C-alpha atoms as a PDB file:
ATOM      1  CA  ALA A   1      37.329  33.873  20.725  1.00  0.00           C
ATOM      2  CA  PHE A   2      35.269  36.353  22.669  1.00  0.00           C
ATOM      3  CA  THR A   3      33.903  33.639  24.987  1.00  0.00           C
ATOM      4  CA  ALA A   4      37.409  32.636  26.074  1.00  0.00           C
ATOM      5  CA  GLU A   5      37.415  35.610  28.455  1.00  0.00           C
ATOM      6  CA  PHE A   6      34.029  34.626  29.880  1.00  0.00           C
ATOM      7  CA  THR A   7      34.210  30.873  30.392  1.00  0.00           C
ATOM      8  CA  HIS A   8      32.005  31.062  33.474  1.00  0.00           C
ATOM      9  CA  VAL A   9      29.207  32.677  31.435  1.00  0.00           C
ATOM     10  CA  ALA A  10      29.586  30.098  28.653  1.00  0.00           C
ATOM     11  CA  ARG A  11      29.436  27.285  31.238  1.00  0.00           C
ATOM     12  CA  TRP A  12      26.336  28.824  32.823  1.00  0.00           C
ATOM     13  CA  GLY A  13      24.667  29.124  29.406  1.00  0.00           C
ATOM     14  CA  ALA A  14      25.469  25.476  28.607  1.00  0.00           C
ATOM     15  CA  THR A  15      24.026  24.414  31.964  1.00  0.00           C
ATOM     16  CA  ILE A  16      20.773  26.280  31.312  1.00  0.00           C
ATOM     17  CA  ALA A  17      20.577  25.007  27.722  1.00  0.00           C
ATOM     18  CA  ASN A  18      20.885  21.363  28.837  1.00  0.00           C
ATOM     19  CA  GLN A  19      18.181  21.509  31.517  1.00  0.00           C
ATOM     20  CA  PRO A  20      15.148  19.279  30.824  1.00  0.00           C
ATOM     21  CA  ALA A  21      12.773  22.261  31.040  1.00  0.00           C
ATOM     22  CA  THR A  22      14.815  24.188  28.452  1.00  0.00           C
ATOM     23  CA  LEU A  23      15.127  21.172  26.156  1.00  0.00           C
ATOM     24  CA  ALA A  24      11.351  20.685  26.312  1.00  0.00           C
ATOM     25  CA  VAL A  25      10.865  24.158  24.824  1.00  0.00           C
ATOM     26  CA  CYS A  26      13.961  24.501  22.636  1.00  0.00           C
ATOM     27  CA  LYS A  27      15.142  21.297  20.968  1.00  0.00           C
ATOM     28  CA  PHE A  28      18.568  22.662  20.122  1.00  0.00           C
ATOM     29  CA  VAL A  29      20.488  25.638  21.502  1.00  0.00           C
ATOM     30  CA  GLN A  30      23.528  26.874  19.624  1.00  0.00           C
ATOM     31  CA  CYS A  31      25.908  29.577  20.800  1.00  0.00           C
ATOM     32  CA  ALA A  32      26.529  32.489  18.491  1.00  0.00           C
ATOM     33  CA  GLU A  33      29.919  32.600  16.846  1.00  0.00           C
ATOM     34  CA  GLU A  34      30.302  36.365  16.717  1.00  0.00           C
ATOM     35  CA  THR A  35      33.377  38.268  17.587  1.00  0.00           C
ATOM     36  CA  LYS A  36      33.521  40.847  20.322  1.00  0.00           C
ATOM     37  CA  PRO A  37      30.953  43.584  19.665  1.00  0.00           C
ATOM     38  CA  ASP A  38      32.180  47.110  18.982  1.00  0.00           C
ATOM     39  CA  PHE A  39      30.814  48.913  22.031  1.00  0.00           C
ATOM     40  CA  LYS A  40      31.977  52.338  20.868  1.00  0.00           C
ATOM     41  CA  ALA A  41      30.081  51.991  17.593  1.00  0.00           C
ATOM     42  CA  LEU A  42      26.965  50.837  19.451  1.00  0.00           C
ATOM     43  CA  ALA A  43      27.221  53.756  21.859  1.00  0.00           C
ATOM     44  CA  ALA A  44      27.608  56.196  18.960  1.00  0.00           C
ATOM     45  CA  LYS A  45      24.606  54.633  17.213  1.00  0.00           C
ATOM     46  CA  PHE A  46      22.262  54.847  20.198  1.00  0.00           C
ATOM     47  CA  ASN A  47      23.645  58.017  21.799  1.00  0.00           C
ATOM     48  CA  PRO A  48      24.447  60.460  19.026  1.00  0.00           C
ATOM     49  CA  LYS A  49      26.387  63.517  20.115  1.00  0.00           C
ATOM     50  CA  LYS A  50      24.488  66.747  19.908  1.00  0.00           C
ATOM     51  CA  GLU A  51      26.319  69.627  18.358  1.00  0.00           C
ATOM     52  CA  LYS A  52      26.667  72.513  20.748  1.00  0.00           C
ATOM     53  CA  ALA A  53      25.621  75.918  19.538  1.00  0.00           C
ATOM     54  CA  PRO A  54      28.262  78.594  20.060  1.00  0.00           C
ATOM     55  CA  LYS A  55      27.603  80.664  23.157  1.00  0.00           C
ATOM     56  CA  LYS A  56      26.710  84.266  22.641  1.00  0.00           C
ATOM     57  CA  LYS A  57      28.652  86.744  24.692  1.00  0.00           C
ATOM     58  CA  LYS A  58      26.666  89.271  26.603  1.00  0.00           C
ATOM     59  CA  GLY A  59      27.493  92.926  26.342  1.00  0.00           C
ATOM     60  CA  GLY A  60      30.149  94.100  28.766  1.00  0.00           C
ATOM     61  CA  ASP A  61      28.016  97.094  29.833  1.00  0.00           C
ATOM     62  CA  GLN A  62      25.261  94.899  31.228  1.00  0.00           C
ATOM     63  CA  GLN A  63      27.677  92.832  33.295  1.00  0.00           C
ATOM     64  CA  ALA A  64      29.358  95.890  34.772  1.00  0.00           C
ATOM     65  CA  ALA A  65      26.007  97.412  35.788  1.00  0.00           C
ATOM     66  CA  GLN A  66      24.977  94.387  37.866  1.00  0.00           C
ATOM     67  CA  PRO A  67      27.008  93.805  41.024  1.00  0.00           C
ATOM     68  CA  LYS A  68      28.098  90.223  41.607  1.00  0.00           C
ATOM     69  CA  LYS A  69      26.337  88.387  44.399  1.00  0.00           C
ATOM     70  CA  LYS A  70      28.592  87.124  47.127  1.00  0.00           C
ATOM     71  CA  LYS A  71      28.264  83.469  47.976  1.00  0.00           C
ATOM     72  CA  GLU A  72      27.088  82.876  51.504  1.00  0.00           C
ATOM     73  CA  LYS A  73      29.486  80.783  53.512  1.00  0.00           C
ATOM     74  CA  LYS A  74      27.982  77.742  55.133  1.00  0.00           C
ATOM     75  CA  VAL A  75      28.110  78.042  58.883  1.00  0.00           C
ATOM     76  CA  ASP A  76      29.064  74.958  60.878  1.00  0.00           C
ATOM     77  CA  GLU A  77      26.493  74.882  63.644  1.00  0.00           C
ATOM     78  CA  PHE A  78      28.624  72.572  65.766  1.00  0.00           C
ATOM     79  CA  ALA A  79      31.829  74.614  65.568  1.00  0.00           C
ATOM     80  CA  SER A  80      30.995  76.504  68.763  1.00  0.00           C
ATOM     81  CA  LEU A  81      30.559  73.301  70.794  1.00  0.00           C
ATOM     82  CA  PRO A  82      33.480  72.068  72.880  1.00  0.00           C
ATOM     83  CA  LYS A  83      35.530  69.103  71.653  1.00  0.00           C
ATOM     84  CA  SER A  84      34.200  65.922  73.262  1.00  0.00           C
ATOM     85  CA  SER A  85      36.505  63.568  75.124  1.00  0.00           C
ATOM     86  CA  MET A  86      34.302  60.546  74.304  1.00  0.00           C
ATOM     87  CA  SER A  87      35.386  58.697  71.166  1.00  0.00           C
ATOM     88  CA  LEU A  88      32.425  57.413  69.176  1.00  0.00           C
ATOM     89  CA  ASP A  89      34.681  55.049  67.227  1.00  0.00           C
ATOM     90  CA  GLU A  90      35.817  53.441  70.457  1.00  0.00           C
ATOM     91  CA  LEU A  91      32.197  53.236  71.652  1.00  0.00           C
ATOM     92  CA  LYS A  92      31.211  51.560  68.384  1.00  0.00           C
ATOM     93  CA  ASN A  93      34.018  49.000  68.718  1.00  0.00           C
ATOM     94  CA  VAL A  94      33.179  48.198  72.345  1.00  0.00           C
ATOM     95  CA  TYR A  95      29.448  47.951  71.636  1.00  0.00           C
ATOM     96  CA  SER A  96      29.911  45.807  68.509  1.00  0.00           C
ATOM     97  CA  ASN A  97      32.635  43.459  69.713  1.00  0.00           C
ATOM     98  CA  GLN A  98      31.861  42.921  73.379  1.00  0.00           C
ATOM     99  CA  ASP A  99      28.914  41.975  75.542  1.00  0.00           C
ATOM    100  CA  THR A 100      26.445  44.855  75.690  1.00  0.00           C
ATOM    101  CA  ARG A 101      25.488  44.619  79.365  1.00  0.00           C
ATOM    102  CA  GLY A 102      28.830  43.328  80.616  1.00  0.00           C
ATOM    103  CA  ALA A 103      31.202  45.702  78.825  1.00  0.00           C
ATOM    104  CA  ALA A 104      29.512  48.299  76.615  1.00  0.00           C
ATOM    105  CA  ILE A 105      27.128  49.886  79.107  1.00  0.00           C
ATOM    106  CA  PRO A 106      29.790  50.194  81.845  1.00  0.00           C
ATOM    107  CA  TRP A 107      32.146  51.689  79.219  1.00  0.00           C
ATOM    108  CA  ILE A 108      29.525  54.301  78.331  1.00  0.00           C
ATOM    109  CA  TRP A 109      29.045  55.308  81.977  1.00  0.00           C
ATOM    110  CA  GLU A 110      32.792  55.545  82.559  1.00  0.00           C
ATOM    111  CA  ASN A 111      33.536  57.558  79.399  1.00  0.00           C
ATOM    112  CA  PHE A 112      30.363  59.596  78.946  1.00  0.00           C
ATOM    113  CA  ASP A 113      31.074  63.285  78.280  1.00  0.00           C
ATOM    114  CA  ALA A 114      28.130  65.274  79.697  1.00  0.00           C
ATOM    115  CA  GLU A 115      29.359  68.535  78.169  1.00  0.00           C
ATOM    116  CA  GLY A 116      29.584  67.153  74.636  1.00  0.00           C
ATOM    117  CA  TRP A 117      26.648  64.715  74.608  1.00  0.00           C
ATOM    118  CA  SER A 118      23.239  64.291  76.179  1.00  0.00           C
ATOM    119  CA  TRP A 119      20.737  61.511  76.886  1.00  0.00           C
ATOM    120  CA  TRP A 120      17.151  61.631  75.691  1.00  0.00           C
ATOM    121  CA  LYS A 121      14.323  59.412  76.831  1.00  0.00           C
ATOM    122  CA  MET A 122      11.600  58.786  74.297  1.00  0.00           C
ATOM    123  CA  SER A 123       8.307  57.046  74.707  1.00  0.00           C
ATOM    124  CA  TYR A 124       6.326  55.754  71.779  1.00  0.00           C
ATOM    125  CA  ARG A 125       2.537  55.950  71.766  1.00  0.00           C
ATOM    126  CA  TYR A 126       1.918  52.666  69.995  1.00  0.00           C
ATOM    127  CA  ASN A 127       4.033  50.129  71.868  1.00  0.00           C
ATOM    128  CA  ASP A 128       2.001  47.221  70.528  1.00  0.00           C
ATOM    129  CA  GLU A 129       3.559  47.910  67.103  1.00  0.00           C
ATOM    130  CA  LEU A 130       7.100  47.442  68.461  1.00  0.00           C
ATOM    131  CA  THR A 131       7.079  43.656  68.366  1.00  0.00           C
ATOM    132  CA  LEU A 132      10.651  43.262  67.060  1.00  0.00           C
ATOM    133  CA  PRO A 133      13.812  45.186  68.046  1.00  0.00           C
ATOM    134  CA  PHE A 134      14.530  46.424  64.516  1.00  0.00           C
ATOM    135  CA  MET A 135      11.162  48.218  64.495  1.00  0.00           C
ATOM    136  CA  ALA A 136      12.210  50.376  67.437  1.00  0.00           C
ATOM    137  CA  SER A 137      15.608  50.972  65.805  1.00  0.00           C
ATOM    138  CA  ASN A 138      13.920  52.157  62.635  1.00  0.00           C
ATOM    139  CA  LEU A 139      11.808  54.623  64.620  1.00  0.00           C
ATOM    140  CA  ILE A 140      14.823  55.976  66.485  1.00  0.00           C
ATOM    141  CA  GLY A 141      17.242  56.139  63.578  1.00  0.00           C
ATOM    142  CA  GLY A 142      14.780  57.034  60.849  1.00  0.00           C
END
């Protein structure tokens, strides 16, 4: 039977059906004895395929008259920067797995690459709105 593959769903349905609140509304609940539905037939019924009209070819003279536009290459803005010696993956592991003040902050000061990274100090105008740490994180990270 179709329900043999989904015993957990059948058990859940039986649990709901035998609840006092369900029995107060529905005196008797019986499971359907259908076979597995034909999903392909249902998909074809509700999503009929549209026939595509054949594409018309444009005249060759018109295409030759218009020069093809060259695609602009995307420029990596960070390609000119020097390779940093500070590993952000290592920083993430130290910060996540160790004590922040005892291990992570000293690690940052020891491994900070001033040529590849910079520090920024920000001050927020409405400090009374920063009552929980995640609020400040949302402002910083976006």
